[in-house]
Amino acid sequence: MMTDVFRLDRYLARIGFDGPVAPDLATLRAIHAAQVDALPFEGLNPLLGLPVKLDMASLQHKLIDGRRGGYCYELNGMLRAALTAIGFKVTGLGGRVRWNAPPDSPLGPRTHMILKVDLPDGPYLADVGFGACVLDAPLRLFTGTEQQTAMGTYRLTEADGLLSLSAKRADSWRTMYVFDLAPQLPSDYELGNWYTSTSPFVPFTSTLVMERVSSDRRHKLVNRHLITEGSGGEPVSERVLGSAAELQQVLEETFGVTPPASADEIFAVITANAELR
């Protein structure tokens, strides 16, 4: 039965976390890592023209009961509910994605949900839903210092009243998104979610994007292109899926997802969209 009451015990079981919880940094780090392993980033609903619902009943039905992942509004919405239930002070923020944008291009809309978590030693940025470069750990919310996690190196900078998060890629830095500290309302997320899940100008309605971070491996699937990276971002393996059967195996074994449609249907949509480009 679907309910709006958040069930922390079921969430913790879903992400495979059985340790003690408290509103402290150790718990934040542990839950952040467990969620990106158990609940992958995936945009199957927008790709298939299915709605993305953000109410807590729908989130729990999909992500916890349905063996699914989701994208930023769903994944960070779930993490926010869990952290709040544990006793953390959490503020929802909005980011403007810059990952594929030319450096001199104008800023786009706020289409990314991120979280600010206040701890006694200062604020942290928590984000389990950025599908191009999923963070495996929360970051200190201060600028000017490189922050290394098990799976990458990141830095926050500030310019023109905006904070910018970048990821180190080989010998250069790539901007993920920019944001400020203005709290977002549920209606802000509903508007961004509607645009992100329905607009032809965003990737998710025409491209299958999935990502999962597990221990020392990062798995990425873009349509039929599957890449596994090591802790430093170096490619470990790479291949192109040649059939719906291969896609089914990857969904099951690599991402641990039970899709909302058959692998044959998903593969057909991917193939048709590729032919339209």
Protein backbone atom coordinates (compact mmCIF):
# COMPACT_ATOMS: atom_id res chain seq x y z
CA MET A 1 0.00 0.00 0.00
CA MET A 2 1.35 3.43 -0.96
CA THR A 3 1.76 5.90 1.90
CA ASP A 4 3.22 9.38 2.29
CA VAL A 5 4.75 8.39 5.64
CA PHE A 6 8.48 8.00 5.13
CA ARG A 7 9.71 4.61 6.32
CA LEU A 8 13.33 5.03 7.38
CA ASP A 9 13.70 1.35 8.23
CA ARG A 10 12.68 0.28 4.72
CA TYR A 11 14.95 2.88 3.13
CA LEU A 12 17.95 1.69 5.16
CA ALA A 13 17.21 -1.91 4.23
CA ARG A 14 16.92 -0.95 0.55
CA ILE A 15 20.35 0.70 0.52
CA GLY A 16 21.88 -2.13 2.55
CA PHE A 17 22.74 0.00 5.59
CA ASP A 18 22.50 -1.77 8.94
CA GLY A 19 24.72 0.37 11.17
CA PRO A 20 23.71 2.91 13.82
CA VAL A 21 22.46 6.30 12.59
CA ALA A 22 22.91 9.75 14.12
CA PRO A 23 22.98 13.29 12.70
CA ASP A 24 26.76 13.29 12.33
CA LEU A 25 29.34 13.28 9.54
CA ALA A 26 30.06 9.55 9.76
CA THR A 27 26.38 8.70 9.17
CA LEU A 28 26.08 11.25 6.35
CA ARG A 29 29.08 9.80 4.55
CA ALA A 30 27.98 6.20 5.05
CA ILE A 31 24.42 6.75 3.86
CA HIS A 32 25.55 8.87 0.90
CA ALA A 33 27.88 6.06 -0.25
CA ALA A 34 25.30 3.35 0.33
CA GLN A 35 22.61 5.15 -1.64
CA VAL A 36 24.67 5.78 -4.79
CA ASP A 37 25.52 2.08 -4.77
CA ALA A 38 22.00 0.77 -4.22
CA LEU A 39 19.86 3.42 -5.98
CA PRO A 40 21.41 4.19 -9.36
CA PHE A 41 20.85 7.29 -11.39
CA GLU A 42 18.48 6.32 -14.20
CA GLY A 43 16.14 8.20 -16.52
CA LEU A 44 13.97 5.36 -17.79
CA ASN A 45 10.68 7.14 -17.05
CA PRO A 46 11.41 10.28 -19.12
CA LEU A 47 12.84 8.14 -21.93
CA LEU A 48 9.66 6.06 -22.09
CA GLY A 49 7.29 9.00 -21.70
CA LEU A 50 6.25 7.93 -18.20
CA PRO A 51 5.59 10.52 -15.47
CA VAL A 52 8.11 11.31 -12.74
CA LYS A 53 6.24 11.81 -9.47
CA LEU A 54 7.85 13.49 -6.48
CA ASP A 55 5.36 12.86 -3.68
CA MET A 56 6.78 10.63 -0.97
CA ALA A 57 4.34 7.80 -1.60
CA SER A 58 5.40 7.59 -5.24
CA LEU A 59 9.10 7.91 -4.43
CA GLN A 60 8.97 5.05 -1.94
CA HIS A 61 6.84 2.92 -4.24
CA LYS A 62 9.32 3.34 -7.10
CA LEU A 63 12.74 3.49 -5.44
CA ILE A 64 12.21 1.26 -2.42
CA ASP A 65 9.45 -1.17 -3.37
CA GLY A 66 9.97 -1.13 -7.13
CA ARG A 67 13.73 -1.80 -7.29
CA ARG A 68 14.28 1.31 -9.32
CA GLY A 69 16.59 4.30 -9.33
CA GLY A 70 15.75 7.79 -10.51
CA TYR A 71 17.21 11.17 -11.28
CA CYS A 72 18.10 14.15 -9.09
CA TYR A 73 14.66 15.17 -7.84
CA GLU A 74 13.87 11.59 -6.86
CA LEU A 75 17.25 10.52 -5.50
CA ASN A 76 17.99 13.69 -3.56
CA GLY A 77 14.36 13.90 -2.47
CA MET A 78 14.71 10.44 -0.97
CA LEU A 79 18.04 11.27 0.65
CA ARG A 80 16.58 14.46 2.11
CA ALA A 81 13.70 12.53 3.66
CA ALA A 82 16.09 10.00 5.18
CA LEU A 83 18.49 12.59 6.58
CA THR A 84 15.63 14.63 8.02
CA ALA A 85 14.18 11.53 9.67
CA ILE A 86 17.57 10.83 11.27
CA GLY A 87 17.73 14.38 12.66
CA PHE A 88 19.93 16.29 10.21
CA LYS A 89 19.20 19.89 9.29
CA VAL A 90 18.78 19.79 5.51
CA THR A 91 18.05 22.58 3.04
CA GLY A 92 17.12 21.91 -0.57
CA LEU A 93 18.94 24.04 -3.16
CA GLY A 94 18.73 24.40 -6.93
CA GLY A 95 21.57 24.10 -9.43
CA ARG A 96 22.04 25.21 -13.04
CA VAL A 97 23.74 22.43 -14.99
CA ARG A 98 26.95 23.35 -16.88
CA TRP A 99 28.42 19.91 -17.68
CA ASN A 100 27.88 20.08 -21.45
CA ALA A 101 27.56 23.86 -21.75
CA PRO A 102 30.23 25.98 -23.49
CA PRO A 103 32.02 28.13 -20.88
CA ASP A 104 30.72 31.40 -22.36
CA SER A 105 27.11 30.27 -22.84
CA PRO A 106 24.32 31.89 -20.79
CA LEU A 107 23.10 30.13 -17.66
CA GLY A 108 20.16 27.79 -18.05
CA PRO A 109 17.29 27.21 -15.62
CA ARG A 110 17.54 25.56 -12.21
CA THR A 111 17.00 21.94 -13.21
CA HIS A 112 19.12 20.17 -10.61
CA MET A 113 18.29 19.46 -6.97
CA ILE A 114 21.08 19.49 -4.39
CA LEU A 115 21.17 19.46 -0.60
CA LYS A 116 22.91 21.57 2.03
CA VAL A 117 23.43 19.67 5.27
CA ASP A 118 24.41 21.70 8.33
CA LEU A 119 26.72 19.97 10.81
CA PRO A 120 28.52 21.33 13.90
CA ASP A 121 31.76 21.74 11.91
CA GLY A 122 30.02 23.59 9.08
CA PRO A 123 27.79 22.99 6.05
CA TYR A 124 28.20 20.12 3.58
CA LEU A 125 26.98 19.64 0.03
CA ALA A 126 25.20 16.30 -0.47
CA ASP A 127 24.21 15.23 -3.97
CA VAL A 128 23.40 11.65 -5.01
CA GLY A 129 21.67 12.63 -8.25
CA PHE A 130 24.03 14.29 -10.75
CA GLY A 131 23.91 11.78 -13.58
CA ALA A 132 27.04 12.77 -15.47
CA CYS A 133 29.36 12.49 -12.47
CA VAL A 134 27.61 11.08 -9.41
CA LEU A 135 29.28 12.18 -6.17
CA ASP A 136 30.28 9.26 -4.00
CA ALA A 137 30.63 11.40 -0.86
CA PRO A 138 29.40 14.70 0.55
CA LEU A 139 31.71 17.71 0.18
CA ARG A 140 32.55 20.49 2.59
CA LEU A 141 30.68 23.59 1.47
CA PHE A 142 33.68 25.88 1.27
CA THR A 143 35.65 27.24 -1.65
CA GLY A 144 39.24 27.25 -2.79
CA THR A 145 40.35 23.78 -1.72
CA GLU A 146 40.46 20.56 -3.70
CA GLN A 147 38.43 17.82 -2.05
CA GLN A 148 39.25 14.24 -2.83
CA THR A 149 36.82 11.36 -2.48
CA ALA A 150 37.40 7.68 -3.20
CA MET A 151 36.16 8.19 -6.76
CA GLY A 152 37.27 11.69 -7.74
CA THR A 153 38.60 15.14 -6.97
CA TYR A 154 36.30 18.16 -6.75
CA ARG A 155 36.45 21.85 -5.93
CA LEU A 156 34.03 24.64 -5.19
CA THR A 157 34.70 28.17 -6.43
CA GLU A 158 32.72 31.38 -6.15
CA ALA A 159 32.18 34.14 -8.70
CA ASP A 160 29.47 36.72 -9.31
CA GLY A 161 27.46 35.52 -6.32
CA LEU A 162 27.34 31.92 -7.51
CA LEU A 163 29.08 28.80 -6.25
CA SER A 164 30.45 26.48 -8.90
CA LEU A 165 31.21 22.77 -8.44
CA SER A 166 33.84 21.26 -10.75
CA ALA A 167 35.26 17.77 -11.19
CA LYS A 168 38.88 17.08 -12.10
CA ARG A 169 39.15 15.31 -15.44
CA ALA A 170 42.70 14.29 -16.43
CA ASP A 171 44.61 17.60 -16.60
CA SER A 172 41.63 19.96 -16.54
CA TRP A 173 38.54 20.86 -14.53
CA ARG A 174 34.99 20.42 -15.78
CA THR A 175 32.16 22.45 -14.28
CA MET A 176 29.25 20.33 -13.09
CA TYR A 177 26.80 23.05 -12.05
CA VAL A 178 26.48 26.45 -10.42
CA PHE A 179 24.17 27.33 -7.54
CA ASP A 180 23.45 29.72 -4.70
CA LEU A 181 22.19 29.13 -1.18
CA ALA A 182 18.59 30.23 -1.76
CA PRO A 183 16.29 27.52 -0.37
CA GLN A 184 13.98 25.96 -2.94
CA LEU A 185 10.28 25.34 -2.45
CA PRO A 186 8.52 22.10 -3.42
CA SER A 187 6.88 24.05 -6.24
CA ASP A 188 10.33 24.98 -7.59
CA TYR A 189 11.20 21.30 -7.80
CA GLU A 190 7.85 20.41 -9.36
CA LEU A 191 8.42 22.96 -12.12
CA GLY A 192 12.00 21.82 -12.75
CA ASN A 193 10.94 18.18 -12.67
CA TRP A 194 8.17 18.75 -15.21
CA TYR A 195 10.58 20.48 -17.58
CA THR A 196 13.37 17.93 -17.11
CA SER A 197 11.09 14.94 -17.64
CA THR A 198 9.10 16.23 -20.63
CA SER A 199 11.10 18.79 -22.62
CA PRO A 200 12.70 17.72 -25.93
CA PHE A 201 15.57 20.07 -25.08
CA VAL A 202 16.86 17.96 -22.19
CA PRO A 203 18.73 14.66 -22.71
CA PHE A 204 16.52 12.40 -20.62
CA THR A 205 13.54 12.37 -22.99
CA SER A 206 15.62 11.02 -25.88
CA THR A 207 18.70 9.40 -24.32
CA LEU A 208 19.01 6.59 -21.80
CA VAL A 209 21.35 7.80 -19.05
CA MET A 210 22.30 5.58 -16.11
CA GLU A 211 25.10 5.68 -13.54
CA ARG A 212 26.02 3.75 -10.42
CA VAL A 213 28.98 4.18 -8.08
CA SER A 214 30.01 1.05 -6.22
CA SER A 215 33.12 0.83 -4.02
CA ASP A 216 35.95 1.52 -6.50
CA ARG A 217 33.98 1.40 -9.75
CA ARG A 218 31.80 3.89 -11.61
CA HIS A 219 29.39 2.37 -14.15
CA LYS A 220 27.90 4.58 -16.87
CA LEU A 221 25.39 3.69 -19.57
CA VAL A 222 24.48 6.19 -22.29
CA ASN A 223 22.04 4.52 -24.67
CA ARG A 224 23.98 1.36 -25.68
CA HIS A 225 27.43 2.62 -24.62
CA LEU A 226 28.55 1.05 -21.32
CA ILE A 227 31.68 2.36 -19.59
CA THR A 228 33.21 1.24 -16.31
CA GLU A 229 35.75 3.59 -14.71
CA GLY A 230 38.20 3.10 -11.86
CA SER A 231 38.70 5.30 -8.82
CA GLY A 232 40.76 7.85 -10.74
CA GLY A 233 38.32 8.07 -13.62
CA GLU A 234 40.42 5.85 -15.86
CA PRO A 235 38.45 3.49 -18.15
CA VAL A 236 38.40 -0.11 -16.92
CA SER A 237 36.13 -1.50 -19.62
CA GLU A 238 34.00 -0.20 -22.46
CA ARG A 239 31.58 -1.82 -24.84
CA VAL A 240 28.51 -1.21 -26.99
CA LEU A 241 25.45 -3.31 -26.17
CA GLY A 242 24.35 -5.18 -29.24
CA SER A 243 20.95 -6.51 -28.26
CA ALA A 244 17.99 -6.20 -25.93
CA ALA A 245 19.22 -9.32 -24.14
CA GLU A 246 22.53 -7.61 -23.35
CA LEU A 247 20.65 -4.53 -22.13
CA GLN A 248 18.49 -6.71 -19.87
CA GLN A 249 21.60 -8.30 -18.38
CA VAL A 250 23.22 -4.91 -17.72
CA LEU A 251 20.06 -3.50 -16.14
CA GLU A 252 19.86 -6.51 -13.85
CA GLU A 253 23.48 -7.25 -13.01
CA THR A 254 25.29 -3.89 -13.30
CA PHE A 255 22.59 -1.48 -12.16
CA GLY A 256 20.25 -3.72 -10.16
CA VAL A 257 17.14 -2.21 -11.74
CA THR A 258 13.80 -3.76 -12.63
CA PRO A 259 12.72 -1.57 -15.58
CA PRO A 260 9.14 -0.31 -16.10
CA ALA A 261 9.08 -1.83 -19.60
CA SER A 262 10.68 -4.80 -21.31
CA ALA A 263 14.29 -4.59 -22.44
CA ASP A 264 13.02 -5.14 -25.99
CA GLU A 265 10.87 -2.01 -25.77
CA ILE A 266 13.65 0.08 -24.23
CA PHE A 267 16.16 -1.10 -26.81
CA ALA A 268 13.73 -0.24 -29.60
CA VAL A 269 13.24 3.29 -28.23
CA ILE A 270 17.01 3.81 -27.99
CA THR A 271 17.50 2.57 -31.55
CA ALA A 272 14.67 4.71 -32.95
CA ASN A 273 15.95 7.84 -31.22
CA ALA A 274 19.46 7.23 -32.55
CA GLU A 275 18.09 6.98 -36.10
CA LEU A 276 16.34 10.36 -35.72
CA ARG A 277 19.58 12.18 -34.91
